[in-house]
Amino acid sequence: MPVSTIDATAGVTTLINQFTVAPERQQELIDVLDQATEQVMRHQPGFIAANIHAGLDGTHVANYAQWESEEAFRAMLANPECQEHMRAAAQISSFEPVLYRVASVHHR
């Protein structure tokens, strides 16, 4: 089973979605994203992994997710069950999803 690994040769599509949220709702948003990932997203064809990050400032949450391809990601977006969870996140935050390819990786 593939795991979340940052590798420039892997050929995966990476979603980095930065959410802005009121500090008192940060955990609520994390819970919404966790629930969406466990119940729906991880069962979609082409899903590899999702990692939810809580901003130390309390006003940001980032979702770093990997998909086998851009097509798999776009198919997920068209799924009504996925759209329901995205609407729930939109009710408590604003967000900016961007797709990436890994250009390079550096280690110590």
PDB file of N, CA and C in Angstrom:
ATOM      1  N   MET A   1       0.850  -1.176   0.000  1.00  0.00           N
ATOM      2  CA  MET A   1       0.000   0.000   0.000  1.00  0.00           C
ATOM      3  C   MET A   1       0.896   1.240   0.000  1.00  0.00           C
ATOM      4  N   PRO A   2       0.653   2.195  -0.896  1.00  0.00           N
ATOM      5  CA  PRO A   2       1.461   3.418  -0.901  1.00  0.00           C
ATOM      6  C   PRO A   2       1.220   4.233   0.360  1.00  0.00           C
ATOM      7  N   VAL A   3       2.268   4.863   0.824  1.00  0.00           N
ATOM      8  CA  VAL A   3       2.171   5.748   1.977  1.00  0.00           C
ATOM      9  C   VAL A   3       2.602   7.141   1.544  1.00  0.00           C
ATOM     10  N   SER A   4       2.338   8.095   2.382  1.00  0.00           N
ATOM     11  CA  SER A   4       2.690   9.476   2.087  1.00  0.00           C
ATOM     12  C   SER A   4       4.212   9.626   2.108  1.00  0.00           C
ATOM     13  N   THR A   5       4.779   9.836   0.938  1.00  0.00           N
ATOM     14  CA  THR A   5       6.206  10.033   0.792  1.00  0.00           C
ATOM     15  C   THR A   5       6.417  11.152  -0.206  1.00  0.00           C
ATOM     16  N   ILE A   6       7.326  12.043   0.099  1.00  0.00           N
ATOM     17  CA  ILE A   6       7.630  13.107  -0.854  1.00  0.00           C
ATOM     18  C   ILE A   6       8.818  12.643  -1.679  1.00  0.00           C
ATOM     19  N   ASP A   7       8.566  12.405  -2.962  1.00  0.00           N
ATOM     20  CA  ASP A   7       9.566  11.846  -3.863  1.00  0.00           C
ATOM     21  C   ASP A   7       9.348  12.457  -5.236  1.00  0.00           C
ATOM     22  N   ALA A   8      10.336  13.154  -5.746  1.00  0.00           N
ATOM     23  CA  ALA A   8      10.205  13.828  -7.033  1.00  0.00           C
ATOM     24  C   ALA A   8      10.035  12.857  -8.195  1.00  0.00           C
ATOM     25  N   THR A   9      10.385  11.580  -8.002  1.00  0.00           N
ATOM     26  CA  THR A   9      10.263  10.604  -9.088  1.00  0.00           C
ATOM     27  C   THR A   9       8.984   9.773  -9.002  1.00  0.00           C
ATOM     28  N   ALA A  10       8.160  10.012  -7.988  1.00  0.00           N
ATOM     29  CA  ALA A  10       6.969   9.175  -7.776  1.00  0.00           C
ATOM     30  C   ALA A  10       5.866   9.414  -8.803  1.00  0.00           C
ATOM     31  N   GLY A  11       5.814  10.606  -9.381  1.00  0.00           N
ATOM     32  CA  GLY A  11       4.798  10.880 -10.386  1.00  0.00           C
ATOM     33  C   GLY A  11       3.396  11.064  -9.854  1.00  0.00           C
ATOM     34  N   VAL A  12       3.268  11.383  -8.579  1.00  0.00           N
ATOM     35  CA  VAL A  12       1.938  11.595  -8.015  1.00  0.00           C
ATOM     36  C   VAL A  12       1.541  13.059  -8.147  1.00  0.00           C
ATOM     37  N   THR A  13       0.246  13.308  -8.002  1.00  0.00           N
ATOM     38  CA  THR A  13      -0.280  14.674  -7.971  1.00  0.00           C
ATOM     39  C   THR A  13      -0.488  15.048  -6.511  1.00  0.00           C
ATOM     40  N   THR A  14       0.002  16.209  -6.141  1.00  0.00           N
ATOM     41  CA  THR A  14      -0.085  16.666  -4.760  1.00  0.00           C
ATOM     42  C   THR A  14      -1.062  17.822  -4.656  1.00  0.00           C
ATOM     43  N   LEU A  15      -1.990  17.714  -3.728  1.00  0.00           N
ATOM     44  CA  LEU A  15      -2.901  18.800  -3.389  1.00  0.00           C
ATOM     45  C   LEU A  15      -2.380  19.449  -2.118  1.00  0.00           C
ATOM     46  N   ILE A  16      -2.180  20.755  -2.167  1.00  0.00           N
ATOM     47  CA  ILE A  16      -1.933  21.511  -0.951  1.00  0.00           C
ATOM     48  C   ILE A  16      -3.076  22.508  -0.843  1.00  0.00           C
ATOM     49  N   ASN A  17      -3.902  22.300   0.161  1.00  0.00           N
ATOM     50  CA  ASN A  17      -5.088  23.119   0.354  1.00  0.00           C
ATOM     51  C   ASN A  17      -4.928  23.865   1.666  1.00  0.00           C
ATOM     52  N   GLN A  18      -4.788  25.176   1.589  1.00  0.00           N
ATOM     53  CA  GLN A  18      -4.641  25.987   2.798  1.00  0.00           C
ATOM     54  C   GLN A  18      -5.980  26.603   3.161  1.00  0.00           C
ATOM     55  N   PHE A  19      -6.411  26.325   4.381  1.00  0.00           N
ATOM     56  CA  PHE A  19      -7.666  26.830   4.907  1.00  0.00           C
ATOM     57  C   PHE A  19      -7.377  27.973   5.877  1.00  0.00           C
ATOM     58  N   THR A  20      -8.240  28.982   5.876  1.00  0.00           N
ATOM     59  CA  THR A  20      -8.196  30.052   6.867  1.00  0.00           C
ATOM     60  C   THR A  20      -9.471  29.940   7.692  1.00  0.00           C
ATOM     61  N   VAL A  21      -9.302  29.971   8.994  1.00  0.00           N
ATOM     62  CA  VAL A  21     -10.414  29.700   9.899  1.00  0.00           C
ATOM     63  C   VAL A  21     -10.258  30.564  11.147  1.00  0.00           C
ATOM     64  N   ALA A  22     -11.367  30.876  11.797  1.00  0.00           N
ATOM     65  CA  ALA A  22     -11.306  31.575  13.083  1.00  0.00           C
ATOM     66  C   ALA A  22     -10.625  30.649  14.097  1.00  0.00           C
ATOM     67  N   PRO A  23      -9.766  31.187  14.950  1.00  0.00           N
ATOM     68  CA  PRO A  23      -9.024  30.338  15.882  1.00  0.00           C
ATOM     69  C   PRO A  23      -9.906  29.404  16.722  1.00  0.00           C
ATOM     70  N   GLU A  24     -11.061  29.893  17.121  1.00  0.00           N
ATOM     71  CA  GLU A  24     -11.941  29.057  17.946  1.00  0.00           C
ATOM     72  C   GLU A  24     -12.598  27.921  17.152  1.00  0.00           C
ATOM     73  N   ARG A  25     -12.439  27.932  15.832  1.00  0.00           N
ATOM     74  CA  ARG A  25     -13.038  26.880  15.002  1.00  0.00           C
ATOM     75  C   ARG A  25     -11.993  25.986  14.332  1.00  0.00           C
ATOM     76  N   GLN A  26     -10.712  26.210  14.647  1.00  0.00           N
ATOM     77  CA  GLN A  26      -9.665  25.420  14.005  1.00  0.00           C
ATOM     78  C   GLN A  26      -9.859  23.924  14.250  1.00  0.00           C
ATOM     79  N   GLN A  27     -10.081  23.520  15.492  1.00  0.00           N
ATOM     80  CA  GLN A  27     -10.244  22.093  15.781  1.00  0.00           C
ATOM     81  C   GLN A  27     -11.492  21.538  15.110  1.00  0.00           C
ATOM     82  N   GLU A  28     -12.551  22.320  15.056  1.00  0.00           N
ATOM     83  CA  GLU A  28     -13.767  21.887  14.365  1.00  0.00           C
ATOM     84  C   GLU A  28     -13.471  21.592  12.897  1.00  0.00           C
ATOM     85  N   LEU A  29     -12.704  22.472  12.252  1.00  0.00           N
ATOM     86  CA  LEU A  29     -12.339  22.246  10.853  1.00  0.00           C
ATOM     87  C   LEU A  29     -11.484  20.990  10.712  1.00  0.00           C
ATOM     88  N   ILE A  30     -10.532  20.810  11.609  1.00  0.00           N
ATOM     89  CA  ILE A  30      -9.707  19.596  11.569  1.00  0.00           C
ATOM     90  C   ILE A  30     -10.585  18.360  11.691  1.00  0.00           C
ATOM     91  N   ASP A  31     -11.556  18.401  12.580  1.00  0.00           N
ATOM     92  CA  ASP A  31     -12.474  17.275  12.749  1.00  0.00           C
ATOM     93  C   ASP A  31     -13.277  17.014  11.475  1.00  0.00           C
ATOM     94  N   VAL A  32     -13.749  18.074  10.822  1.00  0.00           N
ATOM     95  CA  VAL A  32     -14.492  17.935   9.563  1.00  0.00           C
ATOM     96  C   VAL A  32     -13.608  17.280   8.506  1.00  0.00           C
ATOM     97  N   LEU A  33     -12.367  17.750   8.390  1.00  0.00           N
ATOM     98  CA  LEU A  33     -11.443  17.195   7.386  1.00  0.00           C
ATOM     99  C   LEU A  33     -11.073  15.755   7.710  1.00  0.00           C
ATOM    100  N   ASP A  34     -10.841  15.455   8.981  1.00  0.00           N
ATOM    101  CA  ASP A  34     -10.543  14.078   9.383  1.00  0.00           C
ATOM    102  C   ASP A  34     -11.704  13.147   9.048  1.00  0.00           C
ATOM    103  N   GLN A  35     -12.910  13.582   9.385  1.00  0.00           N
ATOM    104  CA  GLN A  35     -14.097  12.769   9.119  1.00  0.00           C
ATOM    105  C   GLN A  35     -14.283  12.555   7.614  1.00  0.00           C
ATOM    106  N   ALA A  36     -14.125  13.613   6.838  1.00  0.00           N
ATOM    107  CA  ALA A  36     -14.264  13.499   5.381  1.00  0.00           C
ATOM    108  C   ALA A  36     -13.236  12.528   4.812  1.00  0.00           C
ATOM    109  N   THR A  37     -12.023  12.624   5.307  1.00  0.00           N
ATOM    110  CA  THR A  37     -10.963  11.743   4.808  1.00  0.00           C
ATOM    111  C   THR A  37     -11.236  10.299   5.166  1.00  0.00           C
ATOM    112  N   GLU A  38     -11.584  10.042   6.411  1.00  0.00           N
ATOM    113  CA  GLU A  38     -11.829   8.660   6.853  1.00  0.00           C
ATOM    114  C   GLU A  38     -13.065   8.044   6.207  1.00  0.00           C
ATOM    115  N   GLN A  39     -14.147   8.814   6.115  1.00  0.00           N
ATOM    116  CA  GLN A  39     -15.410   8.263   5.629  1.00  0.00           C
ATOM    117  C   GLN A  39     -15.489   8.193   4.109  1.00  0.00           C
ATOM    118  N   VAL A  40     -14.862   9.148   3.408  1.00  0.00           N
ATOM    119  CA  VAL A  40     -15.097   9.259   1.965  1.00  0.00           C
ATOM    120  C   VAL A  40     -13.817   9.309   1.134  1.00  0.00           C
ATOM    121  N   MET A  41     -12.983  10.293   1.399  1.00  0.00           N
ATOM    122  CA  MET A  41     -11.859  10.572   0.501  1.00  0.00           C
ATOM    123  C   MET A  41     -10.923   9.384   0.316  1.00  0.00           C
ATOM    124  N   ARG A  42     -10.561   8.734   1.407  1.00  0.00           N
ATOM    125  CA  ARG A  42      -9.585   7.655   1.298  1.00  0.00           C
ATOM    126  C   ARG A  42     -10.106   6.433   0.541  1.00  0.00           C
ATOM    127  N   HIS A  43     -11.407   6.398   0.300  1.00  0.00           N
ATOM    128  CA  HIS A  43     -12.011   5.292  -0.433  1.00  0.00           C
ATOM    129  C   HIS A  43     -12.152   5.594  -1.926  1.00  0.00           C
ATOM    130  N   GLN A  44     -11.753   6.797  -2.335  1.00  0.00           N
ATOM    131  CA  GLN A  44     -11.879   7.193  -3.741  1.00  0.00           C
ATOM    132  C   GLN A  44     -10.737   6.590  -4.557  1.00  0.00           C
ATOM    133  N   PRO A  45     -11.030   6.180  -5.796  1.00  0.00           N
ATOM    134  CA  PRO A  45      -9.969   5.644  -6.652  1.00  0.00           C
ATOM    135  C   PRO A  45      -8.854   6.675  -6.831  1.00  0.00           C
ATOM    136  N   GLY A  46      -7.630   6.225  -6.686  1.00  0.00           N
ATOM    137  CA  GLY A  46      -6.483   7.089  -6.888  1.00  0.00           C
ATOM    138  C   GLY A  46      -5.995   7.818  -5.656  1.00  0.00           C
ATOM    139  N   PHE A  47      -6.725   7.722  -4.547  1.00  0.00           N
ATOM    140  CA  PHE A  47      -6.282   8.360  -3.305  1.00  0.00           C
ATOM    141  C   PHE A  47      -5.062   7.621  -2.770  1.00  0.00           C
ATOM    142  N   ILE A  48      -4.044   8.380  -2.350  1.00  0.00           N
ATOM    143  CA  ILE A  48      -2.863   7.775  -1.730  1.00  0.00           C
ATOM    144  C   ILE A  48      -2.810   8.115  -0.247  1.00  0.00           C
ATOM    145  N   ALA A  49      -2.847   9.409   0.090  1.00  0.00           N
ATOM    146  CA  ALA A  49      -2.698   9.804   1.492  1.00  0.00           C
ATOM    147  C   ALA A  49      -3.164  11.237   1.684  1.00  0.00           C
ATOM    148  N   ALA A  50      -3.505  11.558   2.920  1.00  0.00           N
ATOM    149  CA  ALA A  50      -3.812  12.939   3.292  1.00  0.00           C
ATOM    150  C   ALA A  50      -3.185  13.200   4.652  1.00  0.00           C
ATOM    151  N   ASN A  51      -2.657  14.395   4.798  1.00  0.00           N
ATOM    152  CA  ASN A  51      -2.019  14.813   6.047  1.00  0.00           C
ATOM    153  C   ASN A  51      -2.589  16.171   6.408  1.00  0.00           C
ATOM    154  N   ILE A  52      -3.202  16.268   7.574  1.00  0.00           N
ATOM    155  CA  ILE A  52      -3.820  17.510   8.014  1.00  0.00           C
ATOM    156  C   ILE A  52      -2.873  18.190   9.002  1.00  0.00           C
ATOM    157  N   HIS A  53      -2.575  19.463   8.744  1.00  0.00           N
ATOM    158  CA  HIS A  53      -1.643  20.226   9.573  1.00  0.00           C
ATOM    159  C   HIS A  53      -2.378  21.401  10.209  1.00  0.00           C
ATOM    160  N   ALA A  54      -2.206  21.577  11.520  1.00  0.00           N
ATOM    161  CA  ALA A  54      -2.798  22.703  12.248  1.00  0.00           C
ATOM    162  C   ALA A  54      -1.776  23.825  12.348  1.00  0.00           C
ATOM    163  N   GLY A  55      -2.141  25.003  11.830  1.00  0.00           N
ATOM    164  CA  GLY A  55      -1.250  26.151  11.934  1.00  0.00           C
ATOM    165  C   GLY A  55      -1.065  26.555  13.383  1.00  0.00           C
ATOM    166  N   LEU A  56       0.162  26.845  13.750  1.00  0.00           N
ATOM    167  CA  LEU A  56       0.446  27.226  15.131  1.00  0.00           C
ATOM    168  C   LEU A  56      -0.214  28.543  15.509  1.00  0.00           C
ATOM    169  N   ASP A  57      -0.576  29.343  14.514  1.00  0.00           N
ATOM    170  CA  ASP A  57      -1.255  30.613  14.793  1.00  0.00           C
ATOM    171  C   ASP A  57      -2.736  30.426  15.090  1.00  0.00           C
ATOM    172  N   GLY A  58      -3.254  29.217  14.894  1.00  0.00           N
ATOM    173  CA  GLY A  58      -4.654  28.921  15.176  1.00  0.00           C
ATOM    174  C   GLY A  58      -5.614  29.301  14.062  1.00  0.00           C
ATOM    175  N   THR A  59      -5.145  30.032  13.067  1.00  0.00           N
ATOM    176  CA  THR A  59      -6.050  30.505  12.002  1.00  0.00           C
ATOM    177  C   THR A  59      -5.860  29.773  10.680  1.00  0.00           C
ATOM    178  N   HIS A  60      -4.984  28.790  10.649  1.00  0.00           N
ATOM    179  CA  HIS A  60      -4.749  28.065   9.406  1.00  0.00           C
ATOM    180  C   HIS A  60      -4.780  26.558   9.639  1.00  0.00           C
ATOM    181  N   VAL A  61      -5.206  25.857   8.613  1.00  0.00           N
ATOM    182  CA  VAL A  61      -5.120  24.403   8.540  1.00  0.00           C
ATOM    183  C   VAL A  61      -4.685  24.092   7.120  1.00  0.00           C
ATOM    184  N   ALA A  62      -3.755  23.180   6.977  1.00  0.00           N
ATOM    185  CA  ALA A  62      -3.314  22.780   5.647  1.00  0.00           C
ATOM    186  C   ALA A  62      -3.579  21.295   5.455  1.00  0.00           C
ATOM    187  N   ASN A  63      -4.031  20.958   4.262  1.00  0.00           N
ATOM    188  CA  ASN A  63      -4.227  19.569   3.875  1.00  0.00           C
ATOM    189  C   ASN A  63      -3.222  19.279   2.775  1.00  0.00           C
ATOM    190  N   TYR A  64      -2.289  18.395   3.050  1.00  0.00           N
ATOM    191  CA  TYR A  64      -1.320  17.933   2.064  1.00  0.00           C
ATOM    192  C   TYR A  64      -1.774  16.535   1.667  1.00  0.00           C
ATOM    193  N   ALA A  65      -2.298  16.396   0.461  1.00  0.00           N
ATOM    194  CA  ALA A  65      -2.840  15.112   0.028  1.00  0.00           C
ATOM    195  C   ALA A  65      -2.185  14.673  -1.270  1.00  0.00           C
ATOM    196  N   GLN A  66      -2.055  13.368  -1.425  1.00  0.00           N
ATOM    197  CA  GLN A  66      -1.456  12.818  -2.635  1.00  0.00           C
ATOM    198  C   GLN A  66      -2.478  11.942  -3.357  1.00  0.00           C
ATOM    199  N   TRP A  67      -2.501  12.124  -4.674  1.00  0.00           N
ATOM    200  CA  TRP A  67      -3.379  11.370  -5.559  1.00  0.00           C
ATOM    201  C   TRP A  67      -2.541  10.743  -6.665  1.00  0.00           C
ATOM    202  N   GLU A  68      -2.996   9.625  -7.185  1.00  0.00           N
ATOM    203  CA  GLU A  68      -2.246   8.948  -8.245  1.00  0.00           C
ATOM    204  C   GLU A  68      -2.130   9.811  -9.500  1.00  0.00           C
ATOM    205  N   SER A  69      -3.124  10.678  -9.723  1.00  0.00           N
ATOM    206  CA  SER A  69      -3.106  11.510 -10.931  1.00  0.00           C
ATOM    207  C   SER A  69      -4.039  12.701 -10.739  1.00  0.00           C
ATOM    208  N   GLU A  70      -3.878  13.678 -11.603  1.00  0.00           N
ATOM    209  CA  GLU A  70      -4.789  14.816 -11.592  1.00  0.00           C
ATOM    210  C   GLU A  70      -6.203  14.352 -11.933  1.00  0.00           C
ATOM    211  N   GLU A  71      -6.318  13.385 -12.828  1.00  0.00           N
ATOM    212  CA  GLU A  71      -7.643  12.858 -13.211  1.00  0.00           C
ATOM    213  C   GLU A  71      -8.351  12.235 -12.022  1.00  0.00           C
ATOM    214  N   ALA A  72      -7.615  11.496 -11.198  1.00  0.00           N
ATOM    215  CA  ALA A  72      -8.220  10.890 -10.007  1.00  0.00           C
ATOM    216  C   ALA A  72      -8.711  11.977  -9.049  1.00  0.00           C
ATOM    217  N   PHE A  73      -7.921  13.025  -8.889  1.00  0.00           N
ATOM    218  CA  PHE A  73      -8.330  14.131  -8.034  1.00  0.00           C
ATOM    219  C   PHE A  73      -9.588  14.796  -8.578  1.00  0.00           C
ATOM    220  N   ARG A  74      -9.628  15.066  -9.874  1.00  0.00           N
ATOM    221  CA  ARG A  74     -10.783  15.736 -10.492  1.00  0.00           C
ATOM    222  C   ARG A  74     -12.037  14.851 -10.401  1.00  0.00           C
ATOM    223  N   ALA A  75     -11.876  13.545 -10.522  1.00  0.00           N
ATOM    224  CA  ALA A  75     -13.015  12.624 -10.381  1.00  0.00           C
ATOM    225  C   ALA A  75     -13.585  12.706  -8.966  1.00  0.00           C
ATOM    226  N   MET A  76     -12.697  12.828  -7.971  1.00  0.00           N
ATOM    227  CA  MET A  76     -13.158  12.980  -6.592  1.00  0.00           C
ATOM    228  C   MET A  76     -13.978  14.255  -6.446  1.00  0.00           C
ATOM    229  N   LEU A  77     -13.518  15.346  -7.061  1.00  0.00           N
ATOM    230  CA  LEU A  77     -14.249  16.612  -6.966  1.00  0.00           C
ATOM    231  C   LEU A  77     -15.668  16.507  -7.516  1.00  0.00           C
ATOM    232  N   ALA A  78     -15.874  15.656  -8.504  1.00  0.00           N
ATOM    233  CA  ALA A  78     -17.188  15.501  -9.135  1.00  0.00           C
ATOM    234  C   ALA A  78     -18.116  14.585  -8.348  1.00  0.00           C
ATOM    235  N   ASN A  79     -17.596  13.898  -7.355  1.00  0.00           N
ATOM    236  CA  ASN A  79     -18.382  12.950  -6.572  1.00  0.00           C
ATOM    237  C   ASN A  79     -19.289  13.711  -5.595  1.00  0.00           C
ATOM    238  N   PRO A  80     -20.608  13.525  -5.667  1.00  0.00           N
ATOM    239  CA  PRO A  80     -21.528  14.252  -4.776  1.00  0.00           C
ATOM    240  C   PRO A  80     -21.249  14.026  -3.288  1.00  0.00           C
ATOM    241  N   GLU A  81     -20.831  12.842  -2.921  1.00  0.00           N
ATOM    242  CA  GLU A  81     -20.527  12.554  -1.520  1.00  0.00           C
ATOM    243  C   GLU A  81     -19.318  13.385  -1.061  1.00  0.00           C
ATOM    244  N   CYS A  82     -18.335  13.535  -1.915  1.00  0.00           N
ATOM    245  CA  CYS A  82     -17.170  14.365  -1.595  1.00  0.00           C
ATOM    246  C   CYS A  82     -17.560  15.833  -1.530  1.00  0.00           C
ATOM    247  N   GLN A  83     -18.411  16.262  -2.444  1.00  0.00           N
ATOM    248  CA  GLN A  83     -18.854  17.653  -2.470  1.00  0.00           C
ATOM    249  C   GLN A  83     -19.555  18.037  -1.171  1.00  0.00           C
ATOM    250  N   GLU A  84     -20.302  17.106  -0.604  1.00  0.00           N
ATOM    251  CA  GLU A  84     -21.004  17.365   0.660  1.00  0.00           C
ATOM    252  C   GLU A  84     -20.003  17.728   1.762  1.00  0.00           C
ATOM    253  N   HIS A  85     -18.910  16.984   1.843  1.00  0.00           N
ATOM    254  CA  HIS A  85     -17.897  17.257   2.859  1.00  0.00           C
ATOM    255  C   HIS A  85     -17.163  18.566   2.581  1.00  0.00           C
ATOM    256  N   MET A  86     -16.945  18.869   1.315  1.00  0.00           N
ATOM    257  CA  MET A  86     -16.279  20.124   0.971  1.00  0.00           C
ATOM    258  C   MET A  86     -17.159  21.318   1.336  1.00  0.00           C
ATOM    259  N   ARG A  87     -18.466  21.172   1.176  1.00  0.00           N
ATOM    260  CA  ARG A  87     -19.385  22.250   1.583  1.00  0.00           C
ATOM    261  C   ARG A  87     -19.340  22.462   3.094  1.00  0.00           C
ATOM    262  N   ALA A  88     -19.217  21.381   3.843  1.00  0.00           N
ATOM    263  CA  ALA A  88     -19.133  21.505   5.309  1.00  0.00           C
ATOM    264  C   ALA A  88     -17.886  22.291   5.710  1.00  0.00           C
ATOM    265  N   ALA A  89     -16.768  22.043   5.047  1.00  0.00           N
ATOM    266  CA  ALA A  89     -15.536  22.794   5.340  1.00  0.00           C
ATOM    267  C   ALA A  89     -15.695  24.253   4.927  1.00  0.00           C
ATOM    268  N   ALA A  90     -16.386  24.490   3.826  1.00  0.00           N
ATOM    269  CA  ALA A  90     -16.572  25.856   3.322  1.00  0.00           C
ATOM    270  C   ALA A  90     -17.470  26.684   4.243  1.00  0.00           C
ATOM    271  N   GLN A  91     -18.313  26.034   5.020  1.00  0.00           N
ATOM    272  CA  GLN A  91     -19.194  26.763   5.933  1.00  0.00           C
ATOM    273  C   GLN A  91     -18.438  27.359   7.117  1.00  0.00           C
ATOM    274  N   ILE A  92     -17.254  26.837   7.401  1.00  0.00           N
ATOM    275  CA  ILE A  92     -16.521  27.333   8.571  1.00  0.00           C
ATOM    276  C   ILE A  92     -15.145  27.890   8.221  1.00  0.00           C
ATOM    277  N   SER A  93     -14.798  27.909   6.934  1.00  0.00           N
ATOM    278  CA  SER A  93     -13.470  28.397   6.555  1.00  0.00           C
ATOM    279  C   SER A  93     -13.477  28.877   5.106  1.00  0.00           C
ATOM    280  N   SER A  94     -12.414  29.554   4.744  1.00  0.00           N
ATOM    281  CA  SER A  94     -12.151  29.812   3.331  1.00  0.00           C
ATOM    282  C   SER A  94     -10.931  28.969   2.984  1.00  0.00           C
ATOM    283  N   PHE A  95     -10.780  28.625   1.720  1.00  0.00           N
ATOM    284  CA  PHE A  95      -9.651  27.767   1.376  1.00  0.00           C
ATOM    285  C   PHE A  95      -9.194  28.001  -0.051  1.00  0.00           C
ATOM    286  N   GLU A  96      -7.958  27.577  -0.289  1.00  0.00           N
ATOM    287  CA  GLU A  96      -7.339  27.742  -1.598  1.00  0.00           C
ATOM    288  C   GLU A  96      -6.623  26.451  -1.977  1.00  0.00           C
ATOM    289  N   PRO A  97      -7.296  25.561  -2.735  1.00  0.00           N
ATOM    290  CA  PRO A  97      -6.653  24.318  -3.151  1.00  0.00           C
ATOM    291  C   PRO A  97      -5.809  24.545  -4.414  1.00  0.00           C
ATOM    292  N   VAL A  98      -4.610  23.986  -4.406  1.00  0.00           N
ATOM    293  CA  VAL A  98      -3.719  24.078  -5.568  1.00  0.00           C
ATOM    294  C   VAL A  98      -3.081  22.709  -5.773  1.00  0.00           C
ATOM    295  N   LEU A  99      -3.032  22.260  -7.027  1.00  0.00           N
ATOM    296  CA  LEU A  99      -2.370  21.004  -7.366  1.00  0.00           C
ATOM    297  C   LEU A  99      -0.913  21.272  -7.720  1.00  0.00           C
ATOM    298  N   TYR A 100      -0.043  20.351  -7.313  1.00  0.00           N
ATOM    299  CA  TYR A 100       1.391  20.480  -7.539  1.00  0.00           C
ATOM    300  C   TYR A 100       1.978  19.162  -8.024  1.00  0.00           C
ATOM    301  N   ARG A 101       3.179  19.261  -8.577  1.00  0.00           N
ATOM    302  CA  ARG A 101       4.041  18.103  -8.783  1.00  0.00           C
ATOM    303  C   ARG A 101       5.279  18.377  -7.936  1.00  0.00           C
ATOM    304  N   VAL A 102       5.890  17.347  -7.410  1.00  0.00           N
ATOM    305  CA  VAL A 102       7.097  17.533  -6.608  1.00  0.00           C
ATOM    306  C   VAL A 102       8.238  17.858  -7.563  1.00  0.00           C
ATOM    307  N   ALA A 103       8.836  19.025  -7.394  1.00  0.00           N
ATOM    308  CA  ALA A 103       9.929  19.454  -8.259  1.00  0.00           C
ATOM    309  C   ALA A 103      11.283  18.992  -7.736  1.00  0.00           C
ATOM    310  N   SER A 104      11.444  18.998  -6.418  1.00  0.00           N
ATOM    311  CA  SER A 104      12.702  18.534  -5.846  1.00  0.00           C
ATOM    312  C   SER A 104      12.498  18.237  -4.363  1.00  0.00           C
ATOM    313  N   VAL A 105      13.379  17.407  -3.820  1.00  0.00           N
ATOM    314  CA  VAL A 105      13.348  17.032  -2.413  1.00  0.00           C
ATOM    315  C   VAL A 105      14.768  17.151  -1.881  1.00  0.00           C
ATOM    316  N   HIS A 106      14.911  17.720  -0.713  1.00  0.00           N
ATOM    317  CA  HIS A 106      16.237  17.900  -0.113  1.00  0.00           C
ATOM    318  C   HIS A 106      16.220  17.357   1.309  1.00  0.00           C
ATOM    319  N   HIS A 107      17.278  16.663   1.682  1.00  0.00           N
ATOM    320  CA  HIS A 107      17.406  16.112   3.036  1.00  0.00           C
ATOM    321  C   HIS A 107      18.723  16.554   3.642  1.00  0.00           C
ATOM    322  N   ARG A 108      18.793  16.487   4.899  1.00  0.00           N
ATOM    323  CA  ARG A 108      20.015  16.845   5.623  1.00  0.00           C
ATOM    324  C   ARG A 108      21.103  15.880   5.325  1.00  0.00           C
TER     325      ARG A 108
END
